[in-house]
Amino acid sequence: MERHSTGMMAGGIVMLSFIPVALLASLIADSEQTACKGGTYLTTDGVYTKGTDCGAYDKTIYGGLVAGVVLMGVGIPLVIIGGKKEPVGTMRVTPWATRNAGGLALHVDL
C-alpha cells in the first residue's frame, strides 16, 4: 500500500497552515478599523486627527476571511485524497482450460 499522491497531501497541509495567517490578518485589520473609528490618534507629523478612510480596511478583513474559507475548502480534500492508501500492484483473473481440466488463475503484478 502506498499513498495516492504525496504531492497532493503536502500541498493540502501547506494550504491548511496558511489559514491562521489569513485569519490573523483579518483580525488585525478589524482591530485597526475599530481603532480608526474610535476617536483621535497621533499622526507622524505630531497632529491629533480624527480617523479618516476607515472603510479601507474592509478589503483586508473580507479578503482574509474569504481566503481562509477557500484554503480550508481546498486543503482538506487534498489531504484526504492525497493521503489515501492504495494497493501497489494489480491483480488479474485469467481463465484457463486444458483437455482434462479448466479453471481460473490469479495473477498478481507488483
Protein backbone atom coordinates (compact mmCIF):
# COMPACT_ATOMS: atom_id res chain seq x y z
CA MET A 1 0.00 0.00 0.00
CA GLU A 2 1.23 3.47 -0.83
CA ARG A 3 -0.23 6.97 -0.79
CA HIS A 4 -2.36 8.17 -3.69
CA SER A 5 -0.25 11.33 -4.09
CA THR A 6 2.33 12.66 -1.69
CA GLY A 7 2.32 16.00 -3.54
CA MET A 8 -1.42 16.45 -3.07
CA MET A 9 -1.15 15.66 0.61
CA ALA A 10 1.80 18.04 1.11
CA GLY A 11 0.01 20.80 -0.83
CA GLY A 12 -3.07 20.38 1.34
CA ILE A 13 -1.00 20.59 4.51
CA VAL A 14 0.67 23.79 3.29
CA MET A 15 -2.73 25.29 2.43
CA LEU A 16 -4.10 24.41 5.85
CA SER A 17 -1.09 26.02 7.52
CA PHE A 18 -1.87 29.36 5.83
CA ILE A 19 -5.39 29.55 7.29
CA PRO A 20 -4.24 31.05 10.63
CA VAL A 21 -2.19 33.67 8.74
CA ALA A 22 -5.23 34.76 6.71
CA LEU A 23 -7.44 34.90 9.78
CA LEU A 24 -4.81 36.80 11.79
CA ALA A 25 -4.50 39.40 9.02
CA SER A 26 -8.28 39.79 9.06
CA LEU A 27 -8.32 40.13 12.85
CA ILE A 28 -5.57 42.78 12.86
CA ALA A 29 -7.30 44.77 10.11
CA ASP A 30 -10.56 44.63 12.07
CA SER A 31 -8.89 45.94 15.22
CA GLU A 32 -7.21 48.73 13.20
CA GLN A 33 -10.58 49.68 11.70
CA THR A 34 -12.16 49.75 15.15
CA ALA A 35 -9.36 51.98 16.43
CA CYS A 36 -9.74 54.24 13.40
CA LYS A 37 -13.46 54.72 14.02
CA GLY A 38 -13.00 55.06 17.78
CA GLY A 39 -11.52 58.52 18.01
CA THR A 40 -8.47 60.65 17.52
CA TYR A 41 -4.92 59.45 17.12
CA LEU A 42 -1.48 60.95 16.69
CA THR A 43 -0.15 61.07 13.12
CA THR A 44 3.52 61.01 12.06
CA ASP A 45 3.73 64.79 11.94
CA GLY A 46 2.53 65.11 15.55
CA VAL A 47 -1.01 66.27 14.86
CA TYR A 48 -4.01 64.70 16.56
CA THR A 49 -6.63 63.91 13.98
CA LYS A 50 -9.89 62.01 13.64
CA GLY A 51 -9.73 58.70 11.74
CA THR A 52 -10.38 59.10 8.03
CA ASP A 53 -10.96 56.49 5.35
CA CYS A 54 -11.69 53.77 7.90
CA GLY A 55 -13.50 51.75 5.22
CA ALA A 56 -10.18 50.96 3.52
CA TYR A 57 -9.70 48.08 5.96
CA ASP A 58 -12.78 46.26 4.64
CA LYS A 59 -10.87 44.73 1.71
CA THR A 60 -8.32 43.18 4.05
CA ILE A 61 -10.93 41.96 6.52
CA TYR A 62 -13.17 40.27 3.97
CA GLY A 63 -10.23 39.13 1.85
CA GLY A 64 -8.68 37.37 4.84
CA LEU A 65 -11.94 35.68 5.76
CA VAL A 66 -12.63 34.52 2.19
CA ALA A 67 -9.04 33.33 1.76
CA GLY A 68 -9.29 31.32 4.99
CA VAL A 69 -12.51 29.62 3.89
CA VAL A 70 -11.15 28.86 0.40
CA LEU A 71 -7.88 27.49 1.77
CA MET A 72 -9.82 25.24 4.14
CA GLY A 73 -12.23 24.11 1.41
CA VAL A 74 -9.39 23.12 -0.92
CA GLY A 75 -6.79 21.97 1.62
CA ILE A 76 -8.90 19.41 3.49
CA PRO A 77 -9.87 17.38 0.38
CA LEU A 78 -6.27 17.48 -0.86
CA VAL A 79 -5.03 16.00 2.42
CA ILE A 80 -7.75 13.33 2.45
CA ILE A 81 -7.44 12.28 -1.20
CA GLY A 82 -3.65 12.54 -1.33
CA GLY A 83 -3.18 10.56 1.86
CA LYS A 84 -5.48 7.70 0.88
CA LYS A 85 -3.64 4.35 0.81
CA GLU A 86 -3.89 2.35 -2.41
CA PRO A 87 -2.57 -1.07 -3.38
CA VAL A 88 0.72 -1.03 -5.27
CA GLY A 89 0.16 -3.91 -7.69
CA THR A 90 -2.70 -5.13 -9.83
CA MET A 91 -4.43 -8.47 -9.90
CA ARG A 92 -5.93 -10.30 -12.88
CA VAL A 93 -8.16 -13.33 -13.00
CA THR A 94 -7.47 -15.38 -16.15
CA PRO A 95 -9.47 -18.39 -17.25
CA TRP A 96 -7.57 -21.45 -18.42
CA ALA A 97 -8.57 -24.73 -19.94
CA THR A 98 -6.86 -27.99 -20.92
CA ARG A 99 -8.22 -31.24 -22.29
CA ASN A 100 -8.68 -32.67 -18.81
CA ALA A 101 -9.42 -29.61 -16.63
CA GLY A 102 -10.25 -25.89 -16.52
CA GLY A 103 -10.41 -23.07 -14.06
CA LEU A 104 -9.35 -19.57 -13.12
CA ALA A 105 -5.83 -18.38 -12.44
CA LEU A 106 -4.99 -15.36 -10.27
CA HIS A 107 -2.02 -13.26 -11.50
CA VAL A 108 -0.54 -10.58 -9.23
CA ASP A 109 1.65 -7.86 -10.85
CA LEU A 110 3.77 -5.99 -8.32
